[in-house]
Amino acid sequence: MRKSSLPEDAVGMRIDKWLWAARFFKTRSIAKNAIEGGKVHHNGERVKVSREVRVGMELTIQQGIDKKTVVVKELSDVRGPAPVAQKLYEETEVSIARRELIASQRKLHNLARPDHRPSKKDRRDISRFKNENSQNFDQHWSYNDD
């Protein structure tokens, strides 16, 4: 792996560059879009792309349906292999437990899925059921101007 071009006394670097180097996102532009989209937080507040990340900061990063809370351990402005990138941060115990719980719930929910796709008759029955229930709901909750 190339040596980082950061000076030894560097105290911070841009958060988008660090997220890219730590392999949370494939490109810096994807990291930038995630930050701008509110997927990265520090102390419960959204961060800006130019925010400086420092050793010891706790970041919450949402990637798809996974949300990780990590503590910054090292800074690097070069993207290296995954084992080296994983040394740049440490995920908190609470975050790991939360992700495992959500993953197990997702797995249990997926077990309830049918073994086959609905047939044409099944789809018609589902559609009929939805229509009847939405009409009943509308009738029950409709407001009268009387």
C-alpha atoms as a PDB file:
ATOM      1  CA  MET A   1       0.000   0.000   0.000  1.00  0.00           C
ATOM      2  CA  ARG A   2       1.207   3.499  -0.791  1.00  0.00           C
ATOM      3  CA  LYS A   3       2.153   5.743   2.044  1.00  0.00           C
ATOM      4  CA  SER A   4      -0.403   8.349   2.969  1.00  0.00           C
ATOM      5  CA  SER A   5       0.452  11.840   1.810  1.00  0.00           C
ATOM      6  CA  LEU A   6      -0.863  13.218   5.092  1.00  0.00           C
ATOM      7  CA  PRO A   7       1.776  14.886   7.254  1.00  0.00           C
ATOM      8  CA  GLU A   8       2.458  13.244  10.589  1.00  0.00           C
ATOM      9  CA  ASP A   9       0.985  16.182  12.513  1.00  0.00           C
ATOM     10  CA  ALA A  10      -2.256  16.312  10.476  1.00  0.00           C
ATOM     11  CA  VAL A  11      -5.259  16.647  12.735  1.00  0.00           C
ATOM     12  CA  GLY A  12      -8.046  16.244  10.186  1.00  0.00           C
ATOM     13  CA  MET A  13      -9.062  15.575   6.614  1.00  0.00           C
ATOM     14  CA  ARG A  14     -12.183  15.898   4.472  1.00  0.00           C
ATOM     15  CA  ILE A  15     -14.859  13.403   5.491  1.00  0.00           C
ATOM     16  CA  ASP A  16     -15.710  12.396   1.909  1.00  0.00           C
ATOM     17  CA  LYS A  17     -12.095  11.449   1.264  1.00  0.00           C
ATOM     18  CA  TRP A  18     -11.875   9.453   4.504  1.00  0.00           C
ATOM     19  CA  LEU A  19     -15.125   7.567   3.794  1.00  0.00           C
ATOM     20  CA  TRP A  20     -13.742   6.631   0.378  1.00  0.00           C
ATOM     21  CA  ALA A  21     -10.374   5.557   1.827  1.00  0.00           C
ATOM     22  CA  ALA A  22     -12.114   3.517   4.567  1.00  0.00           C
ATOM     23  CA  ARG A  23     -14.087   1.739   1.790  1.00  0.00           C
ATOM     24  CA  PHE A  24     -17.549   2.752   2.930  1.00  0.00           C
ATOM     25  CA  PHE A  25     -18.205   4.028  -0.598  1.00  0.00           C
ATOM     26  CA  LYS A  26     -16.731   2.985  -3.930  1.00  0.00           C
ATOM     27  CA  THR A  27     -15.988   6.506  -5.169  1.00  0.00           C
ATOM     28  CA  ARG A  28     -15.608   9.931  -3.611  1.00  0.00           C
ATOM     29  CA  SER A  29     -18.546  11.213  -5.631  1.00  0.00           C
ATOM     30  CA  ILE A  30     -20.787   8.494  -4.167  1.00  0.00           C
ATOM     31  CA  ALA A  31     -19.501   9.431  -0.691  1.00  0.00           C
ATOM     32  CA  LYS A  32     -20.235  13.095  -1.454  1.00  0.00           C
ATOM     33  CA  ASN A  33     -23.784  12.265  -2.604  1.00  0.00           C
ATOM     34  CA  ALA A  34     -24.378  10.185   0.541  1.00  0.00           C
ATOM     35  CA  ILE A  35     -23.200  13.032   2.755  1.00  0.00           C
ATOM     36  CA  GLU A  36     -25.349  15.555   0.903  1.00  0.00           C
ATOM     37  CA  GLY A  37     -28.290  13.140   1.147  1.00  0.00           C
ATOM     38  CA  GLY A  38     -28.070  13.039   4.952  1.00  0.00           C
ATOM     39  CA  LYS A  39     -26.658   9.512   5.239  1.00  0.00           C
ATOM     40  CA  VAL A  40     -23.677  10.550   7.387  1.00  0.00           C
ATOM     41  CA  HIS A  41     -24.057  12.070  10.861  1.00  0.00           C
ATOM     42  CA  HIS A  42     -21.748  13.216  13.652  1.00  0.00           C
ATOM     43  CA  ASN A  43     -23.260  13.721  17.122  1.00  0.00           C
ATOM     44  CA  GLY A  44     -26.738  13.237  15.653  1.00  0.00           C
ATOM     45  CA  GLU A  45     -26.331  16.063  13.132  1.00  0.00           C
ATOM     46  CA  ARG A  46     -25.829  15.890   9.389  1.00  0.00           C
ATOM     47  CA  VAL A  47     -22.334  16.707   8.222  1.00  0.00           C
ATOM     48  CA  LYS A  48     -21.192  18.685   5.196  1.00  0.00           C
ATOM     49  CA  VAL A  49     -18.823  17.299   2.579  1.00  0.00           C
ATOM     50  CA  SER A  50     -16.035  19.645   3.628  1.00  0.00           C
ATOM     51  CA  ARG A  51     -16.295  18.639   7.315  1.00  0.00           C
ATOM     52  CA  GLU A  52     -12.978  17.578   8.760  1.00  0.00           C
ATOM     53  CA  VAL A  53     -12.887  14.138  10.294  1.00  0.00           C
ATOM     54  CA  ARG A  54     -10.517  13.640  13.219  1.00  0.00           C
ATOM     55  CA  VAL A  55      -9.298  10.639  15.161  1.00  0.00           C
ATOM     56  CA  GLY A  56     -11.804   9.771  17.889  1.00  0.00           C
ATOM     57  CA  MET A  57     -14.884  11.136  16.098  1.00  0.00           C
ATOM     58  CA  GLU A  58     -18.003   8.964  16.177  1.00  0.00           C
ATOM     59  CA  LEU A  59     -19.825   8.814  12.841  1.00  0.00           C
ATOM     60  CA  THR A  60     -23.142   7.223  11.937  1.00  0.00           C
ATOM     61  CA  ILE A  61     -23.152   6.020   8.341  1.00  0.00           C
ATOM     62  CA  GLN A  62     -26.184   4.613   6.551  1.00  0.00           C
ATOM     63  CA  GLN A  63     -25.527   2.332   3.590  1.00  0.00           C
ATOM     64  CA  GLY A  64     -28.741   1.028   2.088  1.00  0.00           C
ATOM     65  CA  ILE A  65     -30.680  -0.524   4.950  1.00  0.00           C
ATOM     66  CA  ASP A  66     -27.620  -0.904   7.192  1.00  0.00           C
ATOM     67  CA  LYS A  67     -26.704   1.813   9.649  1.00  0.00           C
ATOM     68  CA  LYS A  68     -23.255   1.671  11.268  1.00  0.00           C
ATOM     69  CA  THR A  69     -21.830   3.734  14.094  1.00  0.00           C
ATOM     70  CA  VAL A  70     -18.051   3.847  13.893  1.00  0.00           C
ATOM     71  CA  VAL A  71     -15.230   5.531  15.776  1.00  0.00           C
ATOM     72  CA  VAL A  72     -12.406   6.938  13.628  1.00  0.00           C
ATOM     73  CA  LYS A  73      -9.103   5.287  14.622  1.00  0.00           C
ATOM     74  CA  GLU A  74      -6.736   6.511  11.885  1.00  0.00           C
ATOM     75  CA  LEU A  75      -6.705   8.913   8.966  1.00  0.00           C
ATOM     76  CA  SER A  76      -5.696   8.017   5.428  1.00  0.00           C
ATOM     77  CA  ASP A  77      -6.175   9.778   2.147  1.00  0.00           C
ATOM     78  CA  VAL A  78      -5.279   6.738   0.018  1.00  0.00           C
ATOM     79  CA  ARG A  79      -7.579   3.835  -0.680  1.00  0.00           C
ATOM     80  CA  GLY A  80      -5.869   0.583   0.189  1.00  0.00           C
ATOM     81  CA  PRO A  81      -6.879  -3.044   0.528  1.00  0.00           C
ATOM     82  CA  ALA A  82      -9.891  -3.891   2.689  1.00  0.00           C
ATOM     83  CA  PRO A  83      -7.894  -5.262   5.673  1.00  0.00           C
ATOM     84  CA  VAL A  84      -5.932  -1.996   5.860  1.00  0.00           C
ATOM     85  CA  ALA A  85      -9.086   0.104   5.414  1.00  0.00           C
ATOM     86  CA  GLN A  86     -10.784  -1.725   8.295  1.00  0.00           C
ATOM     87  CA  LYS A  87      -8.016  -0.522  10.618  1.00  0.00           C
ATOM     88  CA  LEU A  88      -9.096   3.077  10.001  1.00  0.00           C
ATOM     89  CA  TYR A  89     -12.237   2.658  12.125  1.00  0.00           C
ATOM     90  CA  GLU A  90     -13.894   0.513  14.771  1.00  0.00           C
ATOM     91  CA  GLU A  91     -17.613  -0.198  14.827  1.00  0.00           C
ATOM     92  CA  THR A  92     -19.244   0.268  18.229  1.00  0.00           C
ATOM     93  CA  GLU A  93     -20.653  -2.715  20.130  1.00  0.00           C
ATOM     94  CA  VAL A  94     -24.136  -1.173  20.169  1.00  0.00           C
ATOM     95  CA  SER A  95     -24.037  -0.735  16.393  1.00  0.00           C
ATOM     96  CA  ILE A  96     -22.978  -4.350  15.819  1.00  0.00           C
ATOM     97  CA  ALA A  97     -25.730  -5.658  18.117  1.00  0.00           C
ATOM     98  CA  ARG A  98     -28.365  -3.453  16.434  1.00  0.00           C
ATOM     99  CA  ARG A  99     -27.332  -4.572  12.927  1.00  0.00           C
ATOM    100  CA  GLU A 100     -27.375  -8.257  13.972  1.00  0.00           C
ATOM    101  CA  LEU A 101     -30.838  -7.866  15.530  1.00  0.00           C
ATOM    102  CA  ILE A 102     -32.229  -6.175  12.428  1.00  0.00           C
ATOM    103  CA  ALA A 103     -30.624  -8.806  10.183  1.00  0.00           C
ATOM    104  CA  SER A 104     -32.190 -11.635  12.208  1.00  0.00           C
ATOM    105  CA  GLN A 105     -35.598  -9.914  12.079  1.00  0.00           C
ATOM    106  CA  ARG A 106     -35.232  -9.491   8.324  1.00  0.00           C
ATOM    107  CA  LYS A 107     -34.338 -13.166   7.989  1.00  0.00           C
ATOM    108  CA  LEU A 108     -37.406 -14.215  10.016  1.00  0.00           C
ATOM    109  CA  HIS A 109     -39.629 -11.960   7.927  1.00  0.00           C
ATOM    110  CA  ASN A 110     -38.299 -13.488   4.707  1.00  0.00           C
ATOM    111  CA  LEU A 111     -39.094 -16.995   6.003  1.00  0.00           C
ATOM    112  CA  ALA A 112     -42.797 -16.152   5.807  1.00  0.00           C
ATOM    113  CA  ARG A 113     -42.575 -15.658   2.038  1.00  0.00           C
ATOM    114  CA  PRO A 114     -44.312 -18.210  -0.190  1.00  0.00           C
ATOM    115  CA  ASP A 115     -42.280 -20.777  -2.083  1.00  0.00           C
ATOM    116  CA  HIS A 116     -43.649 -19.696  -5.452  1.00  0.00           C
ATOM    117  CA  ARG A 117     -44.744 -16.660  -7.370  1.00  0.00           C
ATOM    118  CA  PRO A 118     -48.478 -15.959  -7.351  1.00  0.00           C
ATOM    119  CA  SER A 119     -50.380 -17.431 -10.261  1.00  0.00           C
ATOM    120  CA  LYS A 120     -52.733 -15.360 -12.391  1.00  0.00           C
ATOM    121  CA  LYS A 121     -55.649 -16.499 -10.224  1.00  0.00           C
ATOM    122  CA  ASP A 122     -53.708 -15.633  -7.048  1.00  0.00           C
ATOM    123  CA  ARG A 123     -52.966 -12.142  -8.379  1.00  0.00           C
ATOM    124  CA  ARG A 124     -56.644 -11.600  -9.219  1.00  0.00           C
ATOM    125  CA  ASP A 125     -57.645 -12.740  -5.723  1.00  0.00           C
ATOM    126  CA  ILE A 126     -55.080 -10.414  -4.152  1.00  0.00           C
ATOM    127  CA  SER A 127     -56.265  -7.517  -6.286  1.00  0.00           C
ATOM    128  CA  ARG A 128     -59.908  -8.228  -5.437  1.00  0.00           C
ATOM    129  CA  PHE A 129     -59.078  -8.432  -1.724  1.00  0.00           C
ATOM    130  CA  LYS A 130     -57.187  -5.118  -1.808  1.00  0.00           C
ATOM    131  CA  ASN A 131     -59.971  -3.359  -3.716  1.00  0.00           C
ATOM    132  CA  GLU A 132     -62.713  -4.616  -1.402  1.00  0.00           C
ATOM    133  CA  ASN A 133     -60.774  -3.631   1.710  1.00  0.00           C
ATOM    134  CA  SER A 134     -59.849  -0.196   0.397  1.00  0.00           C
ATOM    135  CA  GLN A 135     -63.527   0.453  -0.467  1.00  0.00           C
ATOM    136  CA  ASN A 136     -64.626  -0.693   2.993  1.00  0.00           C
ATOM    137  CA  PHE A 137     -61.956   1.500   4.548  1.00  0.00           C
ATOM    138  CA  ASP A 138     -63.060   4.519   2.496  1.00  0.00           C
ATOM    139  CA  GLN A 139     -66.718   3.967   3.404  1.00  0.00           C
ATOM    140  CA  HIS A 140     -65.921   3.554   7.073  1.00  0.00           C
ATOM    141  CA  TRP A 141     -63.708   6.650   7.268  1.00  0.00           C
ATOM    142  CA  SER A 142     -65.586   8.941   4.876  1.00  0.00           C
ATOM    143  CA  TYR A 143     -66.672  12.299   6.241  1.00  0.00           C
ATOM    144  CA  ASN A 144     -70.190  13.627   5.875  1.00  0.00           C
ATOM    145  CA  ASP A 145     -70.818  17.327   5.345  1.00  0.00           C
ATOM    146  CA  ASP A 146     -74.186  17.125   7.126  1.00  0.00           C
END
